[in-house]
Amino acid sequence: MRRQHIGWVAGAAAAVLVAAGAITYAVAEDGGSGARTPGAESADAGFARDMAVHHQQAVEMSYIVRDRTKNVEVRRLAYDIAQTQANQRGMLLGWLDLWELPKVSAEPPMTWMGMGDMASGKDGALMPGMATNTDLKKLQTLSGKQAEVFYLQLMTAHHQGGIHMAEGCVAKCTVGVEKRLAQGMVDAQQSEIQLMADMLKERGAQPRS
């Protein structure tokens, strides 16, 4: 069952990557069909900017743990997360380029969701769910089972924060393909959270409260 679950997640990730070019092209077509280009302060642009930053940290954590454990399941999960989120990040930044919008904003993260005061940015945690710089440094010092558990705990919280933001885009974004990508993130990350809960349980641990 576990191997099938991981295989399903990997298959879903592959499907997202295959569709990436088509989705980006569709956005470009939408932009040329008379549809209104999102503004710099829109939910579409805000989500693209913030999720690109959020995804970058997930990629970083995944590559750290890949080098800190020899466990096949954790390494496979980390690889799938890194590849999927790196490609999605490229799509998000690509859309900002297509819209000729800046990739950074003077406003706090998640302002587009009406939640600009939710994250203080303390110790590098720019948005809810993100690991702190201290967390990342600790992950780099662990190995084996300890690294696996800490990574799974950090990534569970990271996914929870990402899901919340993606749900915000589903509700507020106006570009259809971006809304669909956001819903795909929700579905995939919810499945991965359940998988990680099972993996933590096997290791005698549970998500951090």
N, C-alpha and C. Protein backbone atom coordinates (compact mmCIF):
# COMPACT_ATOMS: atom_id res chain seq x y z
N MET A 1 0.84 -1.21 0.00
CA MET A 1 0.00 0.00 0.00
C MET A 1 0.87 1.25 0.00
N ARG A 2 1.94 1.28 0.84
CA ARG A 2 2.80 2.45 0.91
C ARG A 2 3.46 2.71 -0.43
N ARG A 3 3.98 1.64 -1.05
CA ARG A 3 4.67 1.82 -2.32
C ARG A 3 3.71 2.33 -3.39
N GLN A 4 2.45 1.83 -3.35
CA GLN A 4 1.45 2.29 -4.31
C GLN A 4 1.13 3.77 -4.08
N HIS A 5 1.06 4.17 -2.79
CA HIS A 5 0.75 5.55 -2.46
C HIS A 5 1.85 6.47 -2.97
N ILE A 6 3.10 6.10 -2.72
CA ILE A 6 4.22 6.91 -3.19
C ILE A 6 4.22 6.96 -4.71
N GLY A 7 3.91 5.81 -5.33
CA GLY A 7 3.85 5.77 -6.78
C GLY A 7 2.78 6.69 -7.33
N TRP A 8 1.63 6.76 -6.63
CA TRP A 8 0.55 7.65 -7.07
C TRP A 8 0.99 9.10 -6.97
N VAL A 9 1.65 9.45 -5.87
CA VAL A 9 2.12 10.82 -5.70
C VAL A 9 3.13 11.16 -6.79
N ALA A 10 4.04 10.23 -7.06
CA ALA A 10 5.05 10.47 -8.09
C ALA A 10 4.38 10.61 -9.46
N GLY A 11 3.37 9.77 -9.71
CA GLY A 11 2.67 9.85 -10.99
C GLY A 11 1.94 11.16 -11.15
N ALA A 12 1.32 11.62 -10.07
CA ALA A 12 0.62 12.90 -10.11
C ALA A 12 1.60 14.04 -10.35
N ALA A 13 2.77 13.94 -9.71
CA ALA A 13 3.79 14.97 -9.90
C ALA A 13 4.24 15.00 -11.36
N ALA A 14 4.43 13.82 -11.94
CA ALA A 14 4.86 13.75 -13.34
C ALA A 14 3.81 14.38 -14.25
N ALA A 15 2.54 14.12 -13.95
CA ALA A 15 1.47 14.68 -14.77
C ALA A 15 1.48 16.20 -14.71
N VAL A 16 1.76 16.75 -13.52
CA VAL A 16 1.83 18.20 -13.37
C VAL A 16 2.96 18.76 -14.22
N LEU A 17 4.11 18.08 -14.20
CA LEU A 17 5.26 18.58 -14.94
C LEU A 17 5.03 18.51 -16.44
N VAL A 18 4.38 17.45 -16.92
CA VAL A 18 4.10 17.32 -18.35
C VAL A 18 3.17 18.45 -18.80
N ALA A 19 2.23 18.81 -17.89
CA ALA A 19 1.25 19.84 -18.24
C ALA A 19 1.81 21.26 -18.09
N ALA A 20 2.98 21.39 -17.50
CA ALA A 20 3.50 22.72 -17.17
C ALA A 20 3.63 23.62 -18.39
N GLY A 21 4.22 23.08 -19.45
CA GLY A 21 4.39 23.87 -20.66
C GLY A 21 3.06 24.29 -21.25
N ALA A 22 2.11 23.36 -21.27
CA ALA A 22 0.80 23.67 -21.82
C ALA A 22 0.09 24.74 -21.01
N ILE A 23 0.22 24.68 -19.67
CA ILE A 23 -0.43 25.66 -18.82
C ILE A 23 0.18 27.04 -19.03
N THR A 24 1.51 27.10 -19.10
CA THR A 24 2.17 28.38 -19.31
C THR A 24 1.77 28.96 -20.66
N TYR A 25 1.70 28.10 -21.67
CA TYR A 25 1.31 28.55 -23.00
C TYR A 25 -0.13 29.07 -22.98
N ALA A 26 -0.99 28.36 -22.22
CA ALA A 26 -2.39 28.78 -22.13
C ALA A 26 -2.51 30.15 -21.51
N VAL A 27 -1.70 30.43 -20.49
CA VAL A 27 -1.72 31.75 -19.86
C VAL A 27 -1.29 32.80 -20.86
N ALA A 28 -0.26 32.48 -21.64
CA ALA A 28 0.21 33.43 -22.65
C ALA A 28 -0.90 33.70 -23.66
N GLU A 29 -1.62 32.65 -24.07
CA GLU A 29 -2.72 32.82 -25.01
C GLU A 29 -3.82 33.66 -24.40
N ASP A 30 -4.14 33.40 -23.13
CA ASP A 30 -5.18 34.18 -22.46
C ASP A 30 -4.81 35.66 -22.49
N GLY A 31 -3.52 35.92 -22.25
CA GLY A 31 -3.07 37.30 -22.21
C GLY A 31 -3.21 37.99 -23.56
N GLY A 32 -3.22 37.20 -24.64
CA GLY A 32 -3.32 37.79 -25.96
C GLY A 32 -4.71 37.75 -26.54
N SER A 33 -5.69 37.30 -25.79
CA SER A 33 -7.05 37.14 -26.32
C SER A 33 -7.98 38.25 -25.87
N GLY A 34 -7.42 39.30 -25.31
CA GLY A 34 -8.26 40.40 -24.87
C GLY A 34 -8.59 40.34 -23.40
N ALA A 35 -8.18 39.26 -22.72
CA ALA A 35 -8.42 39.14 -21.29
C ALA A 35 -7.57 40.17 -20.55
N ARG A 36 -8.09 40.69 -19.46
CA ARG A 36 -7.36 41.70 -18.70
C ARG A 36 -6.18 41.08 -17.98
N THR A 37 -5.00 41.66 -18.19
CA THR A 37 -3.80 41.17 -17.51
C THR A 37 -3.88 41.52 -16.03
N PRO A 38 -3.57 40.57 -15.15
CA PRO A 38 -3.63 40.87 -13.71
C PRO A 38 -2.70 42.02 -13.34
N GLY A 39 -3.12 42.81 -12.37
CA GLY A 39 -2.30 43.92 -11.89
C GLY A 39 -1.29 43.46 -10.86
N ALA A 40 -0.37 44.33 -10.54
CA ALA A 40 0.71 43.99 -9.60
C ALA A 40 0.18 43.67 -8.21
N GLU A 41 -0.95 44.24 -7.83
CA GLU A 41 -1.51 44.01 -6.50
C GLU A 41 -2.62 42.96 -6.50
N SER A 42 -2.83 42.29 -7.63
CA SER A 42 -3.89 41.31 -7.75
C SER A 42 -3.57 40.03 -6.97
N ALA A 43 -4.59 39.23 -6.72
CA ALA A 43 -4.38 37.93 -6.09
C ALA A 43 -3.54 37.03 -6.97
N ASP A 44 -3.74 37.14 -8.28
CA ASP A 44 -2.98 36.30 -9.22
C ASP A 44 -1.48 36.56 -9.09
N ALA A 45 -1.11 37.84 -9.07
CA ALA A 45 0.31 38.19 -8.96
C ALA A 45 0.83 37.90 -7.56
N GLY A 46 0.02 38.21 -6.54
CA GLY A 46 0.46 37.96 -5.16
C GLY A 46 0.70 36.49 -4.90
N PHE A 47 -0.20 35.65 -5.37
CA PHE A 47 -0.03 34.21 -5.20
C PHE A 47 1.22 33.73 -5.92
N ALA A 48 1.41 34.18 -7.15
CA ALA A 48 2.58 33.76 -7.92
C ALA A 48 3.87 34.14 -7.20
N ARG A 49 3.94 35.36 -6.68
CA ARG A 49 5.15 35.80 -5.98
C ARG A 49 5.36 35.01 -4.70
N ASP A 50 4.32 34.93 -3.88
CA ASP A 50 4.47 34.30 -2.56
C ASP A 50 4.69 32.80 -2.66
N MET A 51 3.96 32.13 -3.54
CA MET A 51 4.13 30.68 -3.63
C MET A 51 5.49 30.32 -4.24
N ALA A 52 6.02 31.18 -5.09
CA ALA A 52 7.36 30.94 -5.61
C ALA A 52 8.38 30.92 -4.48
N VAL A 53 8.25 31.85 -3.54
CA VAL A 53 9.15 31.90 -2.38
C VAL A 53 8.92 30.68 -1.48
N HIS A 54 7.66 30.37 -1.24
CA HIS A 54 7.28 29.24 -0.39
C HIS A 54 7.85 27.94 -0.98
N HIS A 55 7.68 27.75 -2.27
CA HIS A 55 8.17 26.54 -2.95
C HIS A 55 9.69 26.44 -2.88
N GLN A 56 10.38 27.57 -3.00
CA GLN A 56 11.84 27.53 -2.99
C GLN A 56 12.36 26.91 -1.70
N GLN A 57 11.72 27.22 -0.58
CA GLN A 57 12.18 26.64 0.68
C GLN A 57 11.92 25.13 0.72
N ALA A 58 10.79 24.69 0.18
CA ALA A 58 10.50 23.25 0.14
C ALA A 58 11.56 22.52 -0.67
N VAL A 59 11.97 23.11 -1.77
CA VAL A 59 13.03 22.52 -2.59
C VAL A 59 14.32 22.43 -1.79
N GLU A 60 14.65 23.50 -1.09
CA GLU A 60 15.88 23.53 -0.29
C GLU A 60 15.86 22.45 0.79
N MET A 61 14.76 22.34 1.52
CA MET A 61 14.67 21.33 2.58
C MET A 61 14.78 19.93 2.01
N SER A 62 14.17 19.71 0.86
CA SER A 62 14.16 18.38 0.26
C SER A 62 15.56 17.96 -0.17
N TYR A 63 16.32 18.88 -0.71
CA TYR A 63 17.69 18.55 -1.10
C TYR A 63 18.59 18.33 0.11
N ILE A 64 18.31 19.05 1.20
CA ILE A 64 19.08 18.82 2.42
C ILE A 64 18.89 17.41 2.93
N VAL A 65 17.61 16.99 3.06
CA VAL A 65 17.36 15.66 3.65
C VAL A 65 17.80 14.55 2.71
N ARG A 66 17.77 14.80 1.43
CA ARG A 66 18.22 13.77 0.49
C ARG A 66 19.66 13.36 0.76
N ASP A 67 20.45 14.31 1.23
CA ASP A 67 21.86 14.03 1.52
C ASP A 67 22.09 13.62 2.97
N ARG A 68 21.02 13.59 3.78
CA ARG A 68 21.18 13.27 5.20
C ARG A 68 20.63 11.90 5.58
N THR A 69 20.04 11.20 4.61
CA THR A 69 19.49 9.87 4.90
C THR A 69 19.67 8.95 3.70
N LYS A 70 19.69 7.66 3.98
CA LYS A 70 19.76 6.66 2.91
C LYS A 70 18.42 5.95 2.74
N ASN A 71 17.40 6.37 3.52
CA ASN A 71 16.10 5.73 3.43
C ASN A 71 15.47 6.00 2.07
N VAL A 72 15.10 4.95 1.37
CA VAL A 72 14.61 5.07 0.00
C VAL A 72 13.30 5.84 -0.07
N GLU A 73 12.37 5.54 0.85
CA GLU A 73 11.07 6.21 0.81
C GLU A 73 11.18 7.70 1.04
N VAL A 74 11.97 8.11 2.02
CA VAL A 74 12.12 9.54 2.31
C VAL A 74 12.84 10.24 1.16
N ARG A 75 13.87 9.60 0.63
CA ARG A 75 14.61 10.19 -0.49
C ARG A 75 13.71 10.34 -1.72
N ARG A 76 12.85 9.34 -1.97
CA ARG A 76 11.95 9.41 -3.12
C ARG A 76 10.93 10.53 -2.94
N LEU A 77 10.36 10.61 -1.73
CA LEU A 77 9.40 11.68 -1.46
C LEU A 77 10.06 13.04 -1.62
N ALA A 78 11.25 13.19 -1.04
CA ALA A 78 11.96 14.47 -1.12
C ALA A 78 12.25 14.84 -2.57
N TYR A 79 12.65 13.86 -3.36
CA TYR A 79 12.94 14.12 -4.78
C TYR A 79 11.67 14.57 -5.51
N ASP A 80 10.56 13.87 -5.26
CA ASP A 80 9.30 14.23 -5.91
C ASP A 80 8.87 15.65 -5.55
N ILE A 81 8.98 16.00 -4.25
CA ILE A 81 8.59 17.34 -3.81
C ILE A 81 9.50 18.38 -4.45
N ALA A 82 10.80 18.12 -4.45
CA ALA A 82 11.75 19.09 -5.01
C ALA A 82 11.50 19.32 -6.50
N GLN A 83 11.31 18.24 -7.24
CA GLN A 83 11.11 18.38 -8.68
C GLN A 83 9.78 19.06 -9.00
N THR A 84 8.72 18.65 -8.34
CA THR A 84 7.41 19.23 -8.59
C THR A 84 7.39 20.71 -8.26
N GLN A 85 7.89 21.06 -7.07
CA GLN A 85 7.79 22.44 -6.64
C GLN A 85 8.77 23.35 -7.38
N ALA A 86 9.91 22.82 -7.79
CA ALA A 86 10.83 23.63 -8.59
C ALA A 86 10.20 23.98 -9.93
N ASN A 87 9.52 23.01 -10.54
CA ASN A 87 8.87 23.27 -11.83
C ASN A 87 7.68 24.21 -11.68
N GLN A 88 6.90 24.02 -10.62
CA GLN A 88 5.78 24.93 -10.39
C GLN A 88 6.28 26.34 -10.13
N ARG A 89 7.39 26.44 -9.40
CA ARG A 89 7.96 27.76 -9.14
C ARG A 89 8.35 28.44 -10.45
N GLY A 90 8.93 27.68 -11.35
CA GLY A 90 9.28 28.23 -12.65
C GLY A 90 8.06 28.74 -13.41
N MET A 91 6.95 28.01 -13.31
CA MET A 91 5.72 28.44 -13.95
C MET A 91 5.22 29.75 -13.36
N LEU A 92 5.22 29.82 -12.05
CA LEU A 92 4.71 31.02 -11.37
C LEU A 92 5.53 32.26 -11.75
N LEU A 93 6.85 32.11 -11.74
CA LEU A 93 7.71 33.23 -12.11
C LEU A 93 7.57 33.56 -13.59
N GLY A 94 7.34 32.52 -14.40
CA GLY A 94 7.14 32.73 -15.83
C GLY A 94 5.88 33.54 -16.10
N TRP A 95 4.83 33.28 -15.34
CA TRP A 95 3.60 34.05 -15.52
C TRP A 95 3.82 35.52 -15.17
N LEU A 96 4.58 35.79 -14.12
CA LEU A 96 4.87 37.18 -13.78
C LEU A 96 5.62 37.86 -14.92
N ASP A 97 6.52 37.12 -15.56
CA ASP A 97 7.22 37.67 -16.73
C ASP A 97 6.24 37.97 -17.86
N LEU A 98 5.34 37.02 -18.13
CA LEU A 98 4.35 37.20 -19.19
C LEU A 98 3.47 38.42 -18.94
N TRP A 99 3.14 38.63 -17.66
CA TRP A 99 2.29 39.76 -17.29
C TRP A 99 3.09 41.05 -17.12
N GLU A 100 4.43 40.94 -17.26
CA GLU A 100 5.32 42.09 -17.09
C GLU A 100 5.13 42.74 -15.72
N LEU A 101 5.10 41.87 -14.71
CA LEU A 101 4.93 42.31 -13.33
C LEU A 101 6.18 41.99 -12.52
N PRO A 102 6.45 42.79 -11.48
CA PRO A 102 7.64 42.54 -10.65
C PRO A 102 7.51 41.25 -9.85
N LYS A 103 8.65 40.62 -9.60
CA LYS A 103 8.66 39.37 -8.84
C LYS A 103 8.74 39.60 -7.34
N VAL A 104 8.88 40.85 -6.92
CA VAL A 104 8.89 41.21 -5.50
C VAL A 104 7.91 42.35 -5.29
N SER A 105 7.46 42.49 -4.04
CA SER A 105 6.51 43.55 -3.70
C SER A 105 6.95 44.22 -2.41
N ALA A 106 6.63 45.49 -2.30
CA ALA A 106 6.94 46.22 -1.07
C ALA A 106 5.96 45.84 0.04
N GLU A 107 4.84 45.23 -0.33
CA GLU A 107 3.85 44.82 0.65
C GLU A 107 4.28 43.51 1.34
N PRO A 108 3.84 43.29 2.57
CA PRO A 108 4.17 42.04 3.26
C PRO A 108 3.58 40.84 2.51
N PRO A 109 4.20 39.66 2.65
CA PRO A 109 3.64 38.46 2.04
C PRO A 109 2.20 38.23 2.48
N MET A 110 1.39 37.70 1.56
CA MET A 110 0.00 37.32 1.80
C MET A 110 -0.93 38.52 1.97
N THR A 111 -0.44 39.73 1.63
CA THR A 111 -1.31 40.91 1.65
C THR A 111 -2.49 40.71 0.72
N TRP A 112 -2.26 40.03 -0.40
CA TRP A 112 -3.32 39.78 -1.39
C TRP A 112 -4.45 38.93 -0.81
N MET A 113 -4.16 38.21 0.28
CA MET A 113 -5.17 37.40 0.97
C MET A 113 -5.80 38.15 2.14
N GLY A 114 -5.37 39.41 2.36
CA GLY A 114 -5.82 40.15 3.52
C GLY A 114 -5.16 39.66 4.79
N MET A 115 -3.97 39.02 4.64
CA MET A 115 -3.27 38.44 5.79
C MET A 115 -1.84 38.93 5.86
N GLY A 116 -1.62 40.17 5.49
CA GLY A 116 -0.27 40.70 5.49
C GLY A 116 0.38 40.79 6.86
N ASP A 117 -0.42 40.67 7.91
CA ASP A 117 0.12 40.76 9.26
C ASP A 117 0.32 39.39 9.90
N MET A 118 0.15 38.31 9.12
CA MET A 118 0.21 36.96 9.69
C MET A 118 1.63 36.47 9.95
N ALA A 119 2.58 36.89 9.14
CA ALA A 119 3.95 36.41 9.31
C ALA A 119 4.87 37.59 9.61
N SER A 120 5.68 37.44 10.61
CA SER A 120 6.58 38.52 11.01
C SER A 120 7.90 38.48 10.25
N GLY A 121 8.17 37.34 9.62
CA GLY A 121 9.45 37.18 8.95
C GLY A 121 10.56 36.85 9.93
N LYS A 122 10.18 36.61 11.18
CA LYS A 122 11.16 36.34 12.22
C LYS A 122 11.96 35.08 11.90
N ASP A 123 13.28 35.20 11.95
CA ASP A 123 14.19 34.08 11.72
C ASP A 123 13.94 33.41 10.37
N GLY A 124 13.53 34.20 9.39
CA GLY A 124 13.41 33.68 8.02
C GLY A 124 12.08 33.05 7.66
N ALA A 125 11.16 32.92 8.63
CA ALA A 125 9.84 32.33 8.35
C ALA A 125 8.93 33.42 7.80
N LEU A 126 8.97 33.61 6.49
CA LEU A 126 8.28 34.74 5.87
C LEU A 126 6.78 34.55 5.80
N MET A 127 6.32 33.29 5.82
CA MET A 127 4.89 33.00 5.72
C MET A 127 4.55 31.83 6.63
N PRO A 128 3.27 31.72 7.04
CA PRO A 128 2.87 30.60 7.89
C PRO A 128 3.26 29.25 7.28
N GLY A 129 3.77 28.38 8.12
CA GLY A 129 4.18 27.06 7.65
C GLY A 129 5.64 26.96 7.26
N MET A 130 6.27 28.10 6.99
CA MET A 130 7.66 28.07 6.57
C MET A 130 8.58 27.76 7.75
N ALA A 131 9.65 27.03 7.46
CA ALA A 131 10.66 26.73 8.48
C ALA A 131 11.48 27.98 8.76
N THR A 132 12.02 28.06 9.96
CA THR A 132 12.91 29.17 10.31
C THR A 132 14.33 28.85 9.85
N ASN A 133 15.19 29.86 9.86
CA ASN A 133 16.59 29.62 9.53
C ASN A 133 17.21 28.64 10.54
N THR A 134 16.78 28.75 11.79
CA THR A 134 17.27 27.84 12.83
C THR A 134 16.87 26.40 12.51
N ASP A 135 15.63 26.21 12.04
CA ASP A 135 15.16 24.88 11.65
C ASP A 135 16.04 24.30 10.53
N LEU A 136 16.32 25.11 9.53
CA LEU A 136 17.10 24.63 8.40
C LEU A 136 18.52 24.25 8.82
N LYS A 137 19.10 25.07 9.70
CA LYS A 137 20.45 24.76 10.19
C LYS A 137 20.44 23.46 10.99
N LYS A 138 19.39 23.26 11.79
CA LYS A 138 19.29 22.02 12.57
C LYS A 138 19.17 20.81 11.65
N LEU A 139 18.33 20.93 10.60
CA LEU A 139 18.17 19.82 9.66
C LEU A 139 19.51 19.42 9.05
N GLN A 140 20.35 20.41 8.80
CA GLN A 140 21.66 20.14 8.20
C GLN A 140 22.60 19.41 9.15
N THR A 141 22.29 19.41 10.45
CA THR A 141 23.16 18.74 11.42
C THR A 141 22.70 17.31 11.73
N LEU A 142 21.49 16.96 11.31
CA LEU A 142 20.94 15.64 11.64
C LEU A 142 21.23 14.64 10.54
N SER A 143 21.06 13.38 10.86
CA SER A 143 21.24 12.32 9.86
C SER A 143 20.35 11.14 10.23
N GLY A 144 20.15 10.27 9.25
CA GLY A 144 19.38 9.05 9.49
C GLY A 144 17.95 9.33 9.93
N LYS A 145 17.48 8.56 10.89
CA LYS A 145 16.10 8.65 11.36
C LYS A 145 15.77 10.04 11.90
N GLN A 146 16.71 10.66 12.61
CA GLN A 146 16.45 12.00 13.17
C GLN A 146 16.20 13.01 12.05
N ALA A 147 16.98 12.94 10.99
CA ALA A 147 16.79 13.85 9.86
C ALA A 147 15.46 13.57 9.17
N GLU A 148 15.12 12.30 9.04
CA GLU A 148 13.86 11.93 8.39
C GLU A 148 12.67 12.50 9.16
N VAL A 149 12.66 12.29 10.48
CA VAL A 149 11.55 12.76 11.30
C VAL A 149 11.43 14.29 11.24
N PHE A 150 12.56 14.97 11.39
CA PHE A 150 12.51 16.44 11.41
C PHE A 150 12.07 16.98 10.05
N TYR A 151 12.55 16.39 8.98
CA TYR A 151 12.13 16.80 7.64
C TYR A 151 10.63 16.60 7.45
N LEU A 152 10.12 15.44 7.83
CA LEU A 152 8.70 15.14 7.67
C LEU A 152 7.85 16.10 8.50
N GLN A 153 8.33 16.46 9.67
CA GLN A 153 7.60 17.42 10.51
C GLN A 153 7.62 18.82 9.87
N LEU A 154 8.78 19.24 9.42
CA LEU A 154 8.88 20.55 8.79
C LEU A 154 8.05 20.62 7.52
N MET A 155 8.11 19.56 6.70
CA MET A 155 7.39 19.58 5.43
C MET A 155 5.88 19.47 5.63
N THR A 156 5.45 18.79 6.68
CA THR A 156 4.02 18.74 6.97
C THR A 156 3.50 20.14 7.26
N ALA A 157 4.19 20.88 8.13
CA ALA A 157 3.79 22.25 8.44
C ALA A 157 3.87 23.14 7.20
N HIS A 158 4.90 22.91 6.40
CA HIS A 158 5.10 23.69 5.17
C HIS A 158 3.94 23.46 4.21
N HIS A 159 3.54 22.21 4.03
CA HIS A 159 2.41 21.89 3.16
C HIS A 159 1.11 22.51 3.70
N GLN A 160 0.93 22.48 5.01
CA GLN A 160 -0.29 23.06 5.59
C GLN A 160 -0.38 24.54 5.26
N GLY A 161 0.75 25.25 5.38
CA GLY A 161 0.77 26.66 5.02
C GLY A 161 0.56 26.87 3.54
N GLY A 162 1.16 26.01 2.73
CA GLY A 162 1.00 26.11 1.28
C GLY A 162 -0.43 25.86 0.84
N ILE A 163 -1.07 24.88 1.45
CA ILE A 163 -2.47 24.57 1.12
C ILE A 163 -3.36 25.77 1.42
N HIS A 164 -3.14 26.40 2.57
CA HIS A 164 -3.94 27.57 2.94
C HIS A 164 -3.80 28.67 1.89
N MET A 165 -2.57 28.89 1.43
CA MET A 165 -2.35 29.92 0.44
C MET A 165 -2.95 29.53 -0.91
N ALA A 166 -2.80 28.27 -1.31
CA ALA A 166 -3.36 27.82 -2.57
C ALA A 166 -4.88 27.91 -2.57
N GLU A 167 -5.48 27.60 -1.43
CA GLU A 167 -6.94 27.75 -1.32
C GLU A 167 -7.34 29.21 -1.48
N GLY A 168 -6.48 30.12 -1.02
CA GLY A 168 -6.74 31.55 -1.20
C GLY A 168 -6.77 31.92 -2.67
N CYS A 169 -5.86 31.33 -3.45
CA CYS A 169 -5.84 31.59 -4.90
C CYS A 169 -7.07 31.00 -5.57
N VAL A 170 -7.45 29.80 -5.17
CA VAL A 170 -8.64 29.19 -5.74
C VAL A 170 -9.84 30.11 -5.55
N ALA A 171 -9.90 30.76 -4.40
CA ALA A 171 -11.03 31.64 -4.09
C ALA A 171 -10.91 33.02 -4.73
N LYS A 172 -9.67 33.54 -4.88
CA LYS A 172 -9.50 34.94 -5.26
C LYS A 172 -8.88 35.18 -6.63
N CYS A 173 -8.09 34.23 -7.15
CA CYS A 173 -7.43 34.45 -8.43
C CYS A 173 -8.46 34.50 -9.57
N THR A 174 -8.11 35.18 -10.65
CA THR A 174 -9.02 35.33 -11.78
C THR A 174 -8.56 34.59 -13.02
N VAL A 175 -7.28 34.22 -13.09
CA VAL A 175 -6.77 33.48 -14.25
C VAL A 175 -7.09 32.00 -14.06
N GLY A 176 -7.87 31.46 -14.97
CA GLY A 176 -8.37 30.10 -14.81
C GLY A 176 -7.31 29.04 -14.62
N VAL A 177 -6.26 29.07 -15.44
CA VAL A 177 -5.25 28.03 -15.33
C VAL A 177 -4.46 28.14 -14.03
N GLU A 178 -4.33 29.36 -13.51
CA GLU A 178 -3.64 29.53 -12.23
C GLU A 178 -4.50 28.98 -11.09
N LYS A 179 -5.79 29.22 -11.16
CA LYS A 179 -6.71 28.66 -10.15
C LYS A 179 -6.66 27.14 -10.18
N ARG A 180 -6.59 26.56 -11.38
CA ARG A 180 -6.55 25.09 -11.49
C ARG A 180 -5.23 24.54 -10.97
N LEU A 181 -4.14 25.25 -11.23
CA LEU A 181 -2.86 24.82 -10.68
C LEU A 181 -2.91 24.86 -9.16
N ALA A 182 -3.49 25.93 -8.61
CA ALA A 182 -3.60 26.06 -7.15
C ALA A 182 -4.42 24.91 -6.57
N GLN A 183 -5.52 24.55 -7.23
CA GLN A 183 -6.33 23.43 -6.73
C GLN A 183 -5.54 22.13 -6.81
N GLY A 184 -4.74 21.98 -7.85
CA GLY A 184 -3.89 20.80 -7.96
C GLY A 184 -2.88 20.72 -6.83
N MET A 185 -2.35 21.88 -6.42
CA MET A 185 -1.43 21.92 -5.28
C MET A 185 -2.14 21.47 -4.00
N VAL A 186 -3.36 21.94 -3.80
CA VAL A 186 -4.13 21.56 -2.62
C VAL A 186 -4.30 20.04 -2.58
N ASP A 187 -4.74 19.47 -3.68
CA ASP A 187 -5.02 18.03 -3.72
C ASP A 187 -3.75 17.21 -3.49
N ALA A 188 -2.67 17.57 -4.18
CA ALA A 188 -1.43 16.80 -4.08
C ALA A 188 -0.81 16.92 -2.68
N GLN A 189 -0.83 18.12 -2.12
CA GLN A 189 -0.18 18.31 -0.82
C GLN A 189 -1.00 17.70 0.31
N GLN A 190 -2.31 17.67 0.16
CA GLN A 190 -3.13 16.97 1.16
C GLN A 190 -2.80 15.48 1.17
N SER A 191 -2.60 14.91 -0.01
CA SER A 191 -2.24 13.50 -0.10
C SER A 191 -0.87 13.26 0.51
N GLU A 192 0.07 14.17 0.26
CA GLU A 192 1.41 14.02 0.81
C GLU A 192 1.42 14.18 2.33
N ILE A 193 0.55 15.04 2.86
CA ILE A 193 0.46 15.19 4.31
C ILE A 193 0.04 13.88 4.95
N GLN A 194 -0.93 13.19 4.35
CA GLN A 194 -1.36 11.90 4.88
C GLN A 194 -0.24 10.88 4.80
N LEU A 195 0.47 10.88 3.69
CA LEU A 195 1.61 9.97 3.52
C LEU A 195 2.67 10.25 4.58
N MET A 196 2.98 11.54 4.81
CA MET A 196 4.00 11.88 5.79
C MET A 196 3.56 11.55 7.21
N ALA A 197 2.25 11.66 7.49
CA ALA A 197 1.75 11.26 8.81
C ALA A 197 1.99 9.78 9.05
N ASP A 198 1.77 8.96 8.01
CA ASP A 198 2.02 7.53 8.13
C ASP A 198 3.51 7.25 8.33
N MET A 199 4.35 7.98 7.60
CA MET A 199 5.79 7.78 7.71
C MET A 199 6.30 8.21 9.08
N LEU A 200 5.74 9.27 9.63
CA LEU A 200 6.12 9.69 10.98
C LEU A 200 5.69 8.65 12.01
N LYS A 201 4.48 8.13 11.86
CA LYS A 201 3.98 7.12 12.78
C LYS A 201 4.88 5.90 12.80
N GLU A 202 5.36 5.48 11.63
CA GLU A 202 6.27 4.35 11.53
C GLU A 202 7.56 4.60 12.30
N ARG A 203 7.90 5.87 12.45
CA ARG A 203 9.14 6.24 13.13
C ARG A 203 8.89 6.65 14.58
N GLY A 204 7.69 6.38 15.08
CA GLY A 204 7.35 6.70 16.46
C GLY A 204 7.24 8.17 16.73
N ALA A 205 6.87 8.95 15.71
CA ALA A 205 6.79 10.40 15.86
C ALA A 205 5.45 10.88 15.30
N GLN A 206 5.23 12.16 15.43
CA GLN A 206 4.00 12.76 14.91
C GLN A 206 4.29 14.19 14.49
N PRO A 207 3.38 14.80 13.71
CA PRO A 207 3.61 16.20 13.30
C PRO A 207 3.77 17.12 14.50
N ARG A 208 4.54 18.19 14.33
CA ARG A 208 4.70 19.16 15.40
C ARG A 208 3.41 19.95 15.57
N SER A 209 3.06 20.25 16.83
CA SER A 209 1.84 21.02 17.08
C SER A 209 2.10 22.50 16.84
